[in-house]
N, C-alpha and C. Protein backbone atom coordinates (compact mmCIF):
# COMPACT_ATOMS: atom_id res chain seq x y z
N MET A 1 -23.85 0.42 30.16
CA MET A 1 -23.25 0.35 28.83
C MET A 1 -23.89 -0.80 28.06
N HIS A 2 -24.33 -0.52 26.85
CA HIS A 2 -24.98 -1.52 26.02
C HIS A 2 -23.93 -2.41 25.35
N SER A 3 -24.07 -3.70 25.55
CA SER A 3 -23.15 -4.65 24.93
C SER A 3 -23.69 -5.07 23.57
N ARG A 4 -22.82 -5.18 22.60
CA ARG A 4 -23.25 -5.61 21.27
C ARG A 4 -23.72 -7.05 21.32
N ASN A 5 -24.69 -7.37 20.47
CA ASN A 5 -25.15 -8.75 20.44
C ASN A 5 -24.10 -9.61 19.73
N PRO A 6 -24.13 -10.92 19.96
CA PRO A 6 -23.11 -11.80 19.40
C PRO A 6 -22.97 -11.72 17.88
N VAL A 7 -24.07 -11.55 17.16
CA VAL A 7 -23.97 -11.46 15.69
C VAL A 7 -23.17 -10.21 15.30
N GLU A 8 -23.41 -9.09 15.97
CA GLU A 8 -22.65 -7.87 15.67
C GLU A 8 -21.16 -8.08 15.93
N VAL A 9 -20.82 -8.79 17.00
CA VAL A 9 -19.41 -9.06 17.33
C VAL A 9 -18.79 -9.91 16.22
N VAL A 10 -19.49 -10.93 15.77
CA VAL A 10 -18.96 -11.82 14.73
C VAL A 10 -18.80 -11.05 13.41
N LEU A 11 -19.74 -10.19 13.07
CA LEU A 11 -19.60 -9.39 11.84
C LEU A 11 -18.40 -8.45 11.93
N GLU A 12 -18.16 -7.90 13.11
CA GLU A 12 -16.98 -7.05 13.31
C GLU A 12 -15.71 -7.89 13.18
N PHE A 13 -15.72 -9.10 13.72
CA PHE A 13 -14.56 -9.98 13.62
C PHE A 13 -14.28 -10.32 12.16
N GLU A 14 -15.32 -10.60 11.39
CA GLU A 14 -15.16 -10.85 9.95
C GLU A 14 -14.50 -9.65 9.28
N ARG A 15 -14.98 -8.46 9.61
CA ARG A 15 -14.41 -7.24 9.01
C ARG A 15 -12.94 -7.10 9.38
N LEU A 16 -12.60 -7.38 10.63
CA LEU A 16 -11.21 -7.27 11.08
C LEU A 16 -10.31 -8.31 10.41
N ILE A 17 -10.81 -9.53 10.26
CA ILE A 17 -10.03 -10.54 9.53
C ILE A 17 -9.74 -10.04 8.12
N ASN A 18 -10.74 -9.49 7.46
CA ASN A 18 -10.56 -9.01 6.09
C ASN A 18 -9.66 -7.78 6.01
N SER A 19 -9.50 -7.06 7.14
CA SER A 19 -8.60 -5.90 7.16
C SER A 19 -7.16 -6.32 7.39
N HIS A 20 -6.95 -7.57 7.87
CA HIS A 20 -5.63 -8.13 8.16
C HIS A 20 -4.91 -7.42 9.29
N SER A 21 -5.65 -6.72 10.13
CA SER A 21 -5.05 -6.04 11.28
C SER A 21 -4.98 -7.00 12.46
N VAL A 22 -3.81 -7.59 12.65
CA VAL A 22 -3.64 -8.58 13.72
C VAL A 22 -3.93 -7.96 15.08
N GLU A 23 -3.49 -6.75 15.31
CA GLU A 23 -3.74 -6.11 16.61
C GLU A 23 -5.22 -5.86 16.83
N ALA A 24 -5.94 -5.45 15.79
CA ALA A 24 -7.39 -5.24 15.92
C ALA A 24 -8.10 -6.58 16.17
N ILE A 25 -7.67 -7.62 15.46
CA ILE A 25 -8.23 -8.95 15.69
C ILE A 25 -8.01 -9.36 17.14
N ALA A 26 -6.78 -9.20 17.63
CA ALA A 26 -6.45 -9.57 19.01
C ALA A 26 -7.29 -8.77 20.00
N GLY A 27 -7.60 -7.54 19.66
CA GLY A 27 -8.41 -6.70 20.53
C GLY A 27 -9.84 -7.16 20.69
N LEU A 28 -10.30 -8.02 19.80
CA LEU A 28 -11.66 -8.53 19.88
C LEU A 28 -11.70 -9.96 20.42
N LEU A 29 -10.57 -10.43 20.94
CA LEU A 29 -10.50 -11.78 21.51
C LEU A 29 -10.50 -11.73 23.03
N THR A 30 -11.09 -12.75 23.65
CA THR A 30 -10.95 -12.89 25.10
C THR A 30 -9.51 -13.33 25.38
N GLU A 31 -9.04 -13.13 26.60
CA GLU A 31 -7.66 -13.50 26.96
C GLU A 31 -7.37 -14.98 26.67
N ASP A 32 -8.36 -15.82 26.91
CA ASP A 32 -8.17 -17.27 26.72
C ASP A 32 -8.83 -17.78 25.45
N SER A 33 -9.04 -16.90 24.50
CA SER A 33 -9.71 -17.26 23.24
C SER A 33 -9.06 -18.48 22.60
N VAL A 34 -9.90 -19.28 21.93
CA VAL A 34 -9.44 -20.50 21.27
C VAL A 34 -9.81 -20.45 19.80
N PHE A 35 -8.85 -20.77 18.94
CA PHE A 35 -9.09 -20.96 17.51
C PHE A 35 -8.98 -22.46 17.25
N ILE A 36 -9.96 -23.01 16.56
CA ILE A 36 -9.94 -24.43 16.20
C ILE A 36 -10.01 -24.52 14.68
N ASP A 37 -8.99 -25.14 14.07
CA ASP A 37 -8.99 -25.22 12.61
C ASP A 37 -9.83 -26.40 12.14
N SER A 38 -9.91 -26.56 10.84
CA SER A 38 -10.79 -27.58 10.26
C SER A 38 -10.31 -29.01 10.52
N LEU A 39 -9.09 -29.16 11.03
CA LEU A 39 -8.59 -30.48 11.41
C LEU A 39 -8.78 -30.73 12.91
N GLY A 40 -9.34 -29.75 13.62
CA GLY A 40 -9.55 -29.89 15.05
C GLY A 40 -8.39 -29.44 15.91
N GLN A 41 -7.34 -28.90 15.28
CA GLN A 41 -6.18 -28.42 16.04
C GLN A 41 -6.53 -27.09 16.70
N LYS A 42 -6.10 -26.93 17.95
CA LYS A 42 -6.44 -25.75 18.73
C LYS A 42 -5.23 -24.86 18.99
N ILE A 43 -5.49 -23.57 18.94
CA ILE A 43 -4.51 -22.57 19.35
C ILE A 43 -5.23 -21.71 20.38
N GLN A 44 -4.61 -21.49 21.53
CA GLN A 44 -5.29 -20.76 22.59
C GLN A 44 -4.42 -19.63 23.13
N GLY A 45 -5.09 -18.54 23.48
CA GLY A 45 -4.44 -17.39 24.10
C GLY A 45 -4.11 -16.31 23.08
N ILE A 46 -4.25 -15.07 23.49
CA ILE A 46 -4.05 -13.95 22.57
C ILE A 46 -2.65 -13.95 21.95
N GLY A 47 -1.62 -14.19 22.74
CA GLY A 47 -0.25 -14.18 22.19
C GLY A 47 -0.07 -15.22 21.11
N ASN A 48 -0.54 -16.43 21.36
CA ASN A 48 -0.43 -17.49 20.35
C ASN A 48 -1.26 -17.18 19.12
N LEU A 49 -2.43 -16.59 19.34
CA LEU A 49 -3.30 -16.27 18.21
C LEU A 49 -2.75 -15.11 17.38
N ARG A 50 -2.10 -14.15 18.03
CA ARG A 50 -1.43 -13.09 17.26
C ARG A 50 -0.41 -13.70 16.30
N GLY A 51 0.40 -14.61 16.81
CA GLY A 51 1.40 -15.26 15.97
C GLY A 51 0.77 -16.07 14.85
N ALA A 52 -0.31 -16.77 15.15
CA ALA A 52 -0.98 -17.59 14.13
C ALA A 52 -1.58 -16.72 13.03
N TRP A 53 -2.27 -15.63 13.39
CA TRP A 53 -2.84 -14.74 12.37
C TRP A 53 -1.74 -14.07 11.55
N THR A 54 -0.66 -13.64 12.21
CA THR A 54 0.45 -13.02 11.49
C THR A 54 1.02 -14.00 10.46
N GLY A 55 1.26 -15.22 10.87
CA GLY A 55 1.78 -16.24 9.95
C GLY A 55 0.83 -16.54 8.82
N TYR A 56 -0.45 -16.62 9.11
CA TYR A 56 -1.42 -16.94 8.06
C TYR A 56 -1.51 -15.82 7.04
N PHE A 57 -1.49 -14.57 7.51
CA PHE A 57 -1.55 -13.45 6.57
C PHE A 57 -0.27 -13.34 5.74
N ARG A 58 0.85 -13.83 6.24
CA ARG A 58 2.07 -13.90 5.42
C ARG A 58 1.90 -14.96 4.32
N MET A 59 1.28 -16.08 4.68
CA MET A 59 1.09 -17.17 3.74
C MET A 59 -0.01 -16.85 2.71
N VAL A 60 -1.05 -16.16 3.16
CA VAL A 60 -2.18 -15.81 2.28
C VAL A 60 -2.49 -14.32 2.51
N PRO A 61 -1.70 -13.43 1.89
CA PRO A 61 -1.81 -11.99 2.18
C PRO A 61 -3.14 -11.35 1.82
N ASP A 62 -3.88 -11.95 0.90
CA ASP A 62 -5.17 -11.37 0.53
C ASP A 62 -6.34 -12.22 1.02
N TYR A 63 -6.10 -12.99 2.07
CA TYR A 63 -7.13 -13.85 2.65
C TYR A 63 -8.37 -13.04 3.00
N SER A 64 -9.53 -13.59 2.68
CA SER A 64 -10.77 -12.94 3.07
C SER A 64 -11.84 -13.99 3.30
N ILE A 65 -12.80 -13.60 4.12
CA ILE A 65 -13.97 -14.43 4.34
C ILE A 65 -15.20 -13.58 4.06
N SER A 66 -16.27 -14.24 3.70
CA SER A 66 -17.54 -13.55 3.52
C SER A 66 -18.64 -14.49 3.98
N HIS A 67 -19.76 -13.91 4.32
CA HIS A 67 -20.87 -14.73 4.80
C HIS A 67 -22.06 -14.60 3.86
N ALA A 68 -22.79 -15.69 3.76
CA ALA A 68 -24.06 -15.69 3.05
C ALA A 68 -25.21 -15.77 4.05
N GLU A 69 -24.97 -16.51 5.15
CA GLU A 69 -25.99 -16.65 6.18
C GLU A 69 -25.33 -16.69 7.56
N ILE A 70 -26.05 -16.16 8.52
CA ILE A 70 -25.60 -16.18 9.91
C ILE A 70 -26.80 -16.54 10.79
N PHE A 71 -26.55 -17.45 11.71
CA PHE A 71 -27.58 -17.85 12.67
C PHE A 71 -27.00 -17.74 14.07
N SER A 72 -27.85 -17.44 15.04
CA SER A 72 -27.34 -17.39 16.41
C SER A 72 -28.29 -18.10 17.35
N ASN A 73 -27.70 -18.61 18.41
CA ASN A 73 -28.44 -19.24 19.49
C ASN A 73 -27.72 -18.81 20.77
N GLY A 74 -28.23 -17.81 21.42
CA GLY A 74 -27.56 -17.27 22.58
C GLY A 74 -26.22 -16.67 22.20
N ASP A 75 -25.15 -17.12 22.86
CA ASP A 75 -23.80 -16.60 22.59
C ASP A 75 -23.08 -17.34 21.47
N THR A 76 -23.74 -18.32 20.87
CA THR A 76 -23.12 -19.10 19.79
C THR A 76 -23.66 -18.61 18.45
N VAL A 77 -22.75 -18.36 17.53
CA VAL A 77 -23.11 -17.85 16.20
C VAL A 77 -22.52 -18.78 15.15
N ALA A 78 -23.33 -19.15 14.16
CA ALA A 78 -22.87 -19.96 13.04
C ALA A 78 -22.86 -19.10 11.79
N VAL A 79 -21.75 -19.15 11.06
CA VAL A 79 -21.54 -18.34 9.86
C VAL A 79 -21.30 -19.29 8.70
N PHE A 80 -22.00 -19.06 7.60
CA PHE A 80 -21.85 -19.89 6.40
C PHE A 80 -21.50 -18.99 5.24
N GLY A 81 -20.38 -19.30 4.58
CA GLY A 81 -19.95 -18.44 3.48
C GLY A 81 -18.78 -19.01 2.72
N ILE A 82 -17.83 -18.13 2.43
CA ILE A 82 -16.69 -18.44 1.57
C ILE A 82 -15.40 -17.95 2.23
N ALA A 83 -14.33 -18.72 2.07
CA ALA A 83 -12.97 -18.27 2.40
C ALA A 83 -12.18 -18.32 1.11
N GLN A 84 -11.29 -17.35 0.92
CA GLN A 84 -10.51 -17.31 -0.32
C GLN A 84 -9.24 -16.52 -0.15
N GLY A 85 -8.35 -16.69 -1.10
CA GLY A 85 -7.10 -15.94 -1.10
C GLY A 85 -6.11 -16.54 -2.08
N ARG A 86 -4.90 -16.00 -2.05
CA ARG A 86 -3.82 -16.51 -2.90
C ARG A 86 -2.64 -16.89 -2.02
N LEU A 87 -2.10 -18.05 -2.28
CA LEU A 87 -0.91 -18.50 -1.59
C LEU A 87 0.25 -17.62 -2.02
N ALA A 88 0.97 -17.04 -1.07
CA ALA A 88 2.08 -16.15 -1.38
C ALA A 88 3.34 -16.96 -1.64
N ARG A 89 3.92 -16.72 -2.79
CA ARG A 89 5.21 -17.32 -3.16
C ARG A 89 5.99 -16.24 -3.88
N GLY A 90 6.49 -15.28 -3.13
CA GLY A 90 7.16 -14.14 -3.76
C GLY A 90 6.11 -13.25 -4.39
N GLU A 91 5.92 -13.42 -5.68
CA GLU A 91 4.88 -12.67 -6.39
C GLU A 91 3.53 -13.29 -6.09
N MET A 92 2.50 -12.47 -6.20
CA MET A 92 1.14 -12.96 -6.06
C MET A 92 0.65 -13.33 -7.46
N ASN A 93 0.47 -14.61 -7.71
CA ASN A 93 0.04 -15.08 -9.03
C ASN A 93 -1.42 -15.48 -9.02
N LYS A 94 -2.12 -15.14 -10.10
CA LYS A 94 -3.54 -15.49 -10.16
C LYS A 94 -3.74 -17.01 -10.15
N GLU A 95 -2.73 -17.76 -10.58
CA GLU A 95 -2.84 -19.22 -10.58
C GLU A 95 -2.84 -19.79 -9.16
N ASP A 96 -2.42 -19.00 -8.20
CA ASP A 96 -2.34 -19.46 -6.82
C ASP A 96 -3.56 -19.05 -5.99
N PHE A 97 -4.63 -18.66 -6.67
CA PHE A 97 -5.88 -18.29 -6.01
C PHE A 97 -6.69 -19.53 -5.67
N TRP A 98 -7.28 -19.54 -4.50
CA TRP A 98 -8.17 -20.62 -4.09
C TRP A 98 -9.41 -20.02 -3.45
N LYS A 99 -10.47 -20.79 -3.48
CA LYS A 99 -11.75 -20.36 -2.91
C LYS A 99 -12.49 -21.61 -2.47
N THR A 100 -13.08 -21.58 -1.29
CA THR A 100 -13.77 -22.76 -0.78
C THR A 100 -14.93 -22.36 0.11
N PRO A 101 -16.00 -23.15 0.11
CA PRO A 101 -17.06 -22.90 1.08
C PRO A 101 -16.48 -23.05 2.49
N ALA A 102 -16.94 -22.22 3.39
CA ALA A 102 -16.43 -22.27 4.77
C ALA A 102 -17.56 -21.92 5.73
N SER A 103 -17.51 -22.56 6.87
CA SER A 103 -18.43 -22.25 7.96
C SER A 103 -17.61 -22.01 9.21
N CYS A 104 -18.11 -21.19 10.08
CA CYS A 104 -17.44 -20.93 11.35
C CYS A 104 -18.46 -20.98 12.47
N ARG A 105 -17.99 -21.46 13.60
CA ARG A 105 -18.79 -21.42 14.84
C ARG A 105 -18.05 -20.48 15.77
N ALA A 106 -18.76 -19.48 16.24
CA ALA A 106 -18.17 -18.53 17.18
C ALA A 106 -18.93 -18.58 18.49
N VAL A 107 -18.19 -18.45 19.57
CA VAL A 107 -18.79 -18.28 20.89
C VAL A 107 -18.33 -16.91 21.38
N VAL A 108 -19.29 -16.07 21.72
CA VAL A 108 -19.02 -14.70 22.14
C VAL A 108 -19.25 -14.60 23.64
N LYS A 109 -18.27 -14.03 24.34
CA LYS A 109 -18.38 -13.80 25.78
C LYS A 109 -17.94 -12.37 26.09
N GLY A 110 -18.80 -11.64 26.75
CA GLY A 110 -18.44 -10.27 27.13
C GLY A 110 -18.14 -9.39 25.94
N GLY A 111 -18.80 -9.61 24.81
CA GLY A 111 -18.59 -8.79 23.62
C GLY A 111 -17.32 -9.10 22.86
N LYS A 112 -16.69 -10.26 23.17
CA LYS A 112 -15.46 -10.66 22.48
C LYS A 112 -15.57 -12.11 22.02
N ILE A 113 -14.70 -12.48 21.09
CA ILE A 113 -14.67 -13.84 20.56
C ILE A 113 -13.92 -14.74 21.53
N ALA A 114 -14.62 -15.73 22.08
CA ALA A 114 -14.00 -16.70 22.98
C ALA A 114 -13.60 -17.96 22.22
N VAL A 115 -14.36 -18.31 21.19
CA VAL A 115 -14.06 -19.47 20.35
C VAL A 115 -14.34 -19.09 18.90
N TRP A 116 -13.40 -19.43 18.02
CA TRP A 116 -13.58 -19.28 16.57
C TRP A 116 -13.17 -20.61 15.97
N GLN A 117 -14.16 -21.35 15.48
CA GLN A 117 -13.90 -22.68 14.92
C GLN A 117 -14.27 -22.68 13.46
N VAL A 118 -13.32 -23.11 12.63
CA VAL A 118 -13.50 -23.11 11.17
C VAL A 118 -13.78 -24.52 10.67
N PHE A 119 -14.75 -24.61 9.78
CA PHE A 119 -15.06 -25.85 9.08
C PHE A 119 -14.94 -25.54 7.59
N ALA A 120 -13.89 -26.05 6.95
CA ALA A 120 -13.68 -25.77 5.53
C ALA A 120 -12.88 -26.89 4.90
N ASP A 121 -13.08 -27.07 3.62
CA ASP A 121 -12.27 -28.03 2.86
C ASP A 121 -11.01 -27.29 2.42
N ASN A 122 -9.88 -27.67 2.99
CA ASN A 122 -8.62 -26.99 2.68
C ASN A 122 -7.92 -27.57 1.46
N GLU A 123 -8.55 -28.49 0.77
CA GLU A 123 -7.91 -29.10 -0.39
C GLU A 123 -7.51 -28.08 -1.46
N PRO A 124 -8.30 -27.04 -1.73
CA PRO A 124 -7.88 -26.08 -2.76
C PRO A 124 -6.51 -25.45 -2.48
N ILE A 125 -6.23 -25.03 -1.24
CA ILE A 125 -4.93 -24.44 -0.94
C ILE A 125 -3.86 -25.53 -0.86
N ARG A 126 -4.21 -26.71 -0.38
CA ARG A 126 -3.23 -27.81 -0.33
C ARG A 126 -2.77 -28.19 -1.74
N ALA A 127 -3.69 -28.21 -2.69
CA ALA A 127 -3.33 -28.55 -4.08
C ALA A 127 -2.33 -27.54 -4.63
N ILE A 128 -2.52 -26.26 -4.32
CA ILE A 128 -1.57 -25.24 -4.76
C ILE A 128 -0.23 -25.44 -4.09
N MET A 129 -0.23 -25.74 -2.80
CA MET A 129 1.02 -25.95 -2.06
C MET A 129 1.78 -27.15 -2.65
N ARG A 130 1.08 -28.19 -3.04
CA ARG A 130 1.76 -29.36 -3.61
C ARG A 130 2.46 -29.04 -4.93
N LYS A 131 1.96 -28.07 -5.67
CA LYS A 131 2.61 -27.70 -6.93
C LYS A 131 4.03 -27.21 -6.70
N TYR A 132 4.30 -26.66 -5.53
CA TYR A 132 5.59 -26.04 -5.25
C TYR A 132 6.50 -26.89 -4.38
N GLN A 133 6.10 -28.11 -4.08
CA GLN A 133 6.95 -28.97 -3.25
C GLN A 133 8.01 -29.63 -4.07
């Protein structure tokens, strides 16, 4: 059986994130997969990651990522692009839209995402959140 190369796996993961299908996202994770946010905080394991993605999509229902460049070195893939969405506060308001450059480091094992690490400036969404405090 031909295994997909790591870049193909990461592109599929990007597509699944943009589809907001938590179950499909979980299906592309290793059992011990780790998500590392831009502050270095880690979430590990499919069950914990299902909950994290579900919560994030509730907070930012139209969240999406896109890539401009992708590089790979063995099982490690670097993605450079944009993350964007609107903070959900009842109605979806255009004033609550944010967009920021984002990079991700992925480690692919056995055709699945073992590590997904995000590097992004979260100030745009934090500024919107402060408006409602």
